[in-house]
C-alpha atoms as a PDB file:
ATOM      1  CA  PHE A   1       0.368  11.041  -5.525  1.00  0.00           C
ATOM      2  CA  GLY A   2      -0.153   7.557  -4.231  1.00  0.00           C
ATOM      3  CA  ALA A   3      -0.150   4.262  -6.007  1.00  0.00           C
ATOM      4  CA  VAL A   4      -2.573   1.810  -7.526  1.00  0.00           C
ATOM      5  CA  ARG A   5      -2.863  -1.496  -5.654  1.00  0.00           C
ATOM      6  CA  ASP A   6      -3.113  -3.557  -8.802  1.00  0.00           C
ATOM      7  CA  HIS A   7      -0.332  -1.853 -10.747  1.00  0.00           C
ATOM      8  CA  PRO A   8       2.015  -4.552 -12.153  1.00  0.00           C
ATOM      9  CA  LEU A   9       5.113  -2.817 -10.790  1.00  0.00           C
ATOM     10  CA  LEU A  10       3.754  -3.089  -7.263  1.00  0.00           C
ATOM     11  CA  GLU A  11       2.758  -6.721  -7.557  1.00  0.00           C
ATOM     12  CA  ALA A  12       5.966  -7.984  -9.169  1.00  0.00           C
ATOM     13  CA  LYS A  13       6.571 -11.298  -7.400  1.00  0.00           C
ATOM     14  CA  GLY A  14       5.280  -9.890  -4.121  1.00  0.00           C
ATOM     15  CA  ALA A  15       8.376  -7.720  -3.799  1.00  0.00           C
ATOM     16  CA  PHE A  16       6.472  -5.160  -1.781  1.00  0.00           C
ATOM     17  CA  SER A  17       4.465  -7.618   0.285  1.00  0.00           C
ATOM     18  CA  GLY A  18       4.150  -6.316   3.807  1.00  0.00           C
ATOM     19  CA  LEU A  19       6.439  -3.348   3.152  1.00  0.00           C
ATOM     20  CA  LEU A  20       3.984  -0.761   1.890  1.00  0.00           C
ATOM     21  CA  HIS A  21       0.549   0.328   2.912  1.00  0.00           C
ATOM     22  CA  ILE A  22      -0.876   1.648  -0.343  1.00  0.00           C
ATOM     23  CA  THR A  23      -3.890   3.910  -0.497  1.00  0.00           C
ATOM     24  CA  GLY A  24      -5.151   6.357  -3.054  1.00  0.00           C
ATOM     25  CA  SER A  25      -4.707   6.279  -6.771  1.00  0.00           C
ATOM     26  CA  ALA A  26      -2.063   6.996  -9.358  1.00  0.00           C
ATOM     27  CA  LEU A  27      -2.032   9.385 -12.250  1.00  0.00           C
ATOM     28  CA  LEU A  28       0.191   7.926 -14.904  1.00  0.00           C
ATOM     29  CA  GLY A  29       1.536  10.177 -17.616  1.00  0.00           C
ATOM     30  CA  ASN A  30       3.009  13.636 -17.969  1.00  0.00           C
ATOM     31  CA  ALA A  31       3.605  15.303 -14.588  1.00  0.00           C
ATOM     32  CA  PHE A  32       2.505  18.724 -15.841  1.00  0.00           C
ATOM     33  CA  ASP A  33      -0.822  17.298 -17.061  1.00  0.00           C
ATOM     34  CA  ALA A  34      -1.357  15.358 -13.832  1.00  0.00           C
ATOM     35  CA  LEU A  35      -0.595  18.385 -11.656  1.00  0.00           C
ATOM     36  CA  GLU A  36      -2.904  20.567 -13.760  1.00  0.00           C
ATOM     37  CA  SER A  37      -5.700  18.017 -13.353  1.00  0.00           C
ATOM     38  CA  LEU A  38      -5.174  17.804  -9.590  1.00  0.00           C
ATOM     39  CA  ALA A  39      -5.150  21.595  -9.264  1.00  0.00           C
ATOM     40  CA  ALA A  40      -8.369  21.869 -11.292  1.00  0.00           C
ATOM     41  CA  ARG A  41     -10.023  19.412  -8.869  1.00  0.00           C
ATOM     42  CA  GLY A  42      -8.808  21.408  -5.861  1.00  0.00           C
ATOM     43  CA  GLU A  43      -6.588  18.596  -4.583  1.00  0.00           C
ATOM     44  CA  ARG A  44      -3.973  19.532  -1.971  1.00  0.00           C
ATOM     45  CA  PHE A  45      -1.067  17.541  -0.560  1.00  0.00           C
ATOM     46  CA  ASP A  46       0.976  18.022   2.607  1.00  0.00           C
ATOM     47  CA  VAL A  47       4.151  16.637   1.040  1.00  0.00           C
ATOM     48  CA  ILE A  48       5.182  16.675  -2.614  1.00  0.00           C
ATOM     49  CA  ILE A  49       8.290  14.989  -3.975  1.00  0.00           C
ATOM     50  CA  CYS A  50       9.594  16.496  -7.177  1.00  0.00           C
ATOM     51  CA  ASP A  51      12.271  14.192  -8.657  1.00  0.00           C
ATOM     52  CA  PRO A  52      12.157  14.340 -12.463  1.00  0.00           C
ATOM     53  CA  PRO A  53      14.583  12.794 -14.915  1.00  0.00           C
ATOM     54  CA  SER A  54      17.256  15.157 -16.227  1.00  0.00           C
ATOM     55  CA  TYR A  55      15.818  14.822 -19.753  1.00  0.00           C
ATOM     56  CA  ALA A  56      12.559  13.422 -21.099  1.00  0.00           C
ATOM     57  CA  THR A  57      10.561  13.560 -24.311  1.00  0.00           C
ATOM     58  CA  THR A  58       6.779  13.784 -23.958  1.00  0.00           C
ATOM     59  CA  LYS A  59       3.801  14.711 -26.090  1.00  0.00           C
ATOM     60  CA  ARG A  60       4.263  18.275 -24.814  1.00  0.00           C
ATOM     61  CA  GLY A  61       7.850  18.360 -26.017  1.00  0.00           C
ATOM     62  CA  ARG A  62      11.223  17.892 -24.418  1.00  0.00           C
ATOM     63  CA  PHE A  63      11.708  18.318 -20.662  1.00  0.00           C
ATOM     64  CA  ARG A  64      15.161  19.501 -19.612  1.00  0.00           C
ATOM     65  CA  VAL A  65      15.822  19.859 -15.916  1.00  0.00           C
ATOM     66  CA  THR A  66      18.191  22.762 -16.626  1.00  0.00           C
ATOM     67  CA  LYS A  67      15.413  24.816 -18.240  1.00  0.00           C
ATOM     68  CA  ASP A  68      12.128  23.342 -16.978  1.00  0.00           C
ATOM     69  CA  TYR A  69      12.678  22.576 -13.287  1.00  0.00           C
ATOM     70  CA  VAL A  70      11.250  25.862 -12.013  1.00  0.00           C
ATOM     71  CA  ALA A  71       8.076  25.323 -14.077  1.00  0.00           C
ATOM     72  CA  LEU A  72       7.720  21.808 -12.664  1.00  0.00           C
ATOM     73  CA  CYS A  73       8.112  23.082  -9.098  1.00  0.00           C
ATOM     74  CA  ARG A  74       5.551  25.811  -9.793  1.00  0.00           C
ATOM     75  CA  ALA A  75       3.100  23.204 -11.069  1.00  0.00           C
ATOM     76  CA  ALA A  76       3.697  21.078  -7.969  1.00  0.00           C
ATOM     77  CA  LEU A  77       3.221  24.075  -5.678  1.00  0.00           C
ATOM     78  CA  GLN A  78      -0.254  24.609  -7.170  1.00  0.00           C
ATOM     79  CA  VAL A  79      -1.374  21.501  -5.273  1.00  0.00           C
ATOM     80  CA  ILE A  80       0.541  21.948  -2.026  1.00  0.00           C
ATOM     81  CA  ALA A  81      -1.421  22.308   1.205  1.00  0.00           C
ATOM     82  CA  PRO A  82      -1.578  25.767   2.839  1.00  0.00           C
ATOM     83  CA  GLU A  83       1.297  24.608   5.042  1.00  0.00           C
ATOM     84  CA  GLY A  84       3.184  21.984   3.076  1.00  0.00           C
ATOM     85  CA  CYS A  85       6.567  20.572   2.288  1.00  0.00           C
ATOM     86  CA  LEU A  86       8.245  20.211  -1.111  1.00  0.00           C
ATOM     87  CA  LEU A  87      11.156  17.804  -1.449  1.00  0.00           C
ATOM     88  CA  ALA A  88      12.948  18.975  -4.585  1.00  0.00           C
ATOM     89  CA  CYS A  89      15.457  16.520  -6.031  1.00  0.00           C
ATOM     90  CA  LEU A  90      17.538  16.258  -9.163  1.00  0.00           C
ATOM     91  CA  ASN A  91      20.459  14.273 -10.504  1.00  0.00           C
ATOM     92  CA  HIS A  92      22.508  16.416 -12.858  1.00  0.00           C
ATOM     93  CA  TYR A  93      26.185  17.352 -12.773  1.00  0.00           C
ATOM     94  CA  GLY A  94      25.463  20.666 -14.506  1.00  0.00           C
ATOM     95  CA  ILE A  95      23.285  22.043 -11.702  1.00  0.00           C
ATOM     96  CA  SER A  96      24.787  23.018  -8.362  1.00  0.00           C
ATOM     97  CA  GLN A  97      23.151  22.730  -4.955  1.00  0.00           C
ATOM     98  CA  ALA A  98      22.950  26.532  -4.895  1.00  0.00           C
ATOM     99  CA  SER A  99      21.149  26.520  -8.267  1.00  0.00           C
ATOM    100  CA  LEU A 100      18.634  23.962  -7.008  1.00  0.00           C
ATOM    101  CA  ARG A 101      17.915  26.176  -4.001  1.00  0.00           C
ATOM    102  CA  LYS A 102      17.445  29.147  -6.351  1.00  0.00           C
ATOM    103  CA  PHE A 103      15.083  27.125  -8.582  1.00  0.00           C
ATOM    104  CA  VAL A 104      12.885  26.327  -5.567  1.00  0.00           C
ATOM    105  CA  GLN A 105      13.005  29.889  -4.222  1.00  0.00           C
ATOM    106  CA  THR A 106      12.017  31.233  -7.642  1.00  0.00           C
ATOM    107  CA  ALA A 107       9.080  28.803  -7.928  1.00  0.00           C
ATOM    108  CA  VAL A 108       7.823  29.574  -4.414  1.00  0.00           C
ATOM    109  CA  GLN A 109       7.999  33.314  -5.034  1.00  0.00           C
ATOM    110  CA  ALA A 110       6.315  33.008  -8.449  1.00  0.00           C
ATOM    111  CA  GLN A 111       3.421  31.106  -6.854  1.00  0.00           C
ATOM    112  CA  GLY A 112       2.929  33.831  -4.261  1.00  0.00           C
ATOM    113  CA  LEU A 113       3.805  31.534  -1.363  1.00  0.00           C
ATOM    114  CA  HIS A 114       5.939  32.164   1.707  1.00  0.00           C
ATOM    115  CA  LEU A 115       9.108  30.097   2.119  1.00  0.00           C
ATOM    116  CA  SER A 116       9.206  29.231   5.839  1.00  0.00           C
ATOM    117  CA  ALA A 117      12.441  27.231   5.603  1.00  0.00           C
ATOM    118  CA  LEU A 118      14.758  25.808   2.958  1.00  0.00           C
ATOM    119  CA  ARG A 119      17.257  23.126   3.946  1.00  0.00           C
ATOM    120  CA  ASP A 120      19.749  21.067   1.992  1.00  0.00           C
ATOM    121  CA  THR A 121      19.316  17.358   2.579  1.00  0.00           C
ATOM    122  CA  PRO A 122      22.302  15.118   3.354  1.00  0.00           C
ATOM    123  CA  GLY A 123      24.260  13.697   0.438  1.00  0.00           C
ATOM    124  CA  GLN A 124      23.703  10.142  -0.686  1.00  0.00           C
ATOM    125  CA  VAL A 125      26.132   7.806   1.038  1.00  0.00           C
ATOM    126  CA  ASP A 126      25.599   5.108  -1.590  1.00  0.00           C
ATOM    127  CA  PHE A 127      27.079   7.372  -4.302  1.00  0.00           C
ATOM    128  CA  PRO A 128      30.272   8.819  -2.813  1.00  0.00           C
ATOM    129  CA  VAL A 129      32.092  11.538  -4.723  1.00  0.00           C
ATOM    130  CA  ALA A 130      35.878  11.656  -4.672  1.00  0.00           C
ATOM    131  CA  GLY A 131      38.036  14.708  -4.352  1.00  0.00           C
ATOM    132  CA  GLY A 132      35.491  17.055  -2.792  1.00  0.00           C
ATOM    133  CA  ALA A 133      33.499  17.374  -6.019  1.00  0.00           C
ATOM    134  CA  GLU A 134      29.788  18.073  -5.785  1.00  0.00           C
ATOM    135  CA  ALA A 135      27.598  15.002  -6.205  1.00  0.00           C
ATOM    136  CA  PRO A 136      25.188  14.927  -9.162  1.00  0.00           C
ATOM    137  CA  ALA A 137      22.292  13.975  -6.870  1.00  0.00           C
ATOM    138  CA  LYS A 138      21.023  16.979  -4.945  1.00  0.00           C
ATOM    139  CA  SER A 139      17.926  17.736  -2.935  1.00  0.00           C
ATOM    140  CA  VAL A 140      16.416  20.411  -0.754  1.00  0.00           C
ATOM    141  CA  MET A 141      13.445  20.414   1.566  1.00  0.00           C
ATOM    142  CA  ALA A 142      11.240  23.506   1.342  1.00  0.00           C
ATOM    143  CA  TRP A 143       8.548  24.272   3.889  1.00  0.00           C
ATOM    144  CA  VAL A 144       6.010  26.671   2.437  1.00  0.00           C
ATOM    145  CA  ARG A 145       2.826  28.306   3.544  1.00  0.00           C
ATOM    146  CA  ALA A 146       0.193  30.336   1.805  1.00  0.00           C
ATOM    147  CA  ASN A 147       0.359  34.063   2.475  1.00  0.00           C
ATOM    148  CA  SER A 148      -2.583  35.244   4.575  1.00  0.00           C
ATOM    149  CA  LEU A 149      -4.144  37.127   1.652  1.00  0.00           C
ATOM    150  CA  LEU A 150      -4.016  34.047  -0.550  1.00  0.00           C
ATOM    151  CA  GLN A 151      -5.631  31.924   2.156  1.00  0.00           C
ATOM    152  CA  LEU A 152      -8.668  34.212   1.998  1.00  0.00           C
ATOM    153  CA  GLN A 153      -9.141  33.450  -1.708  1.00  0.00           C
ATOM    154  CA  PRO A 154     -10.146  29.764  -2.137  1.00  0.00           C
ATOM    155  CA  GLY A 155      -8.738  28.034  -5.164  1.00  0.00           C
ATOM    156  CA  ARG A 156      -5.802  30.405  -5.595  1.00  0.00           C
ATOM    157  CA  VAL A 157      -2.373  29.112  -4.657  1.00  0.00           C
END
């Protein structure tokens, strides 16, 4: 959702000097809380990148990508523009590329959106996998749009 110019990670020894043009602001903390706050304010984004850790412990409880990924995608889709793009990524051996596609399809359908296209992204060349096995890092690009009835009802995505 952007970055903060004066965040220590961005100023570390000028590592990003001249490489990034940073605008906007950051919401630091639990992704579900941040997405809920953005949705409540009516914020919308053309592109959303959903790339959570496989496991995390938060004040809300434990996040497990195997059980909570659809809910995270649904939360992200609450703030997607009427015609937007969701890049859904994960890094987990226990979830197949087909399962990731199903997670995204389920989230899009549950939010009442139309899935215009769903494409697998190329594998990571910096993490080759031997023997034809599926890589742990997977991602899909989903282009979604609001159904015409939903577009007539402001604030509902």
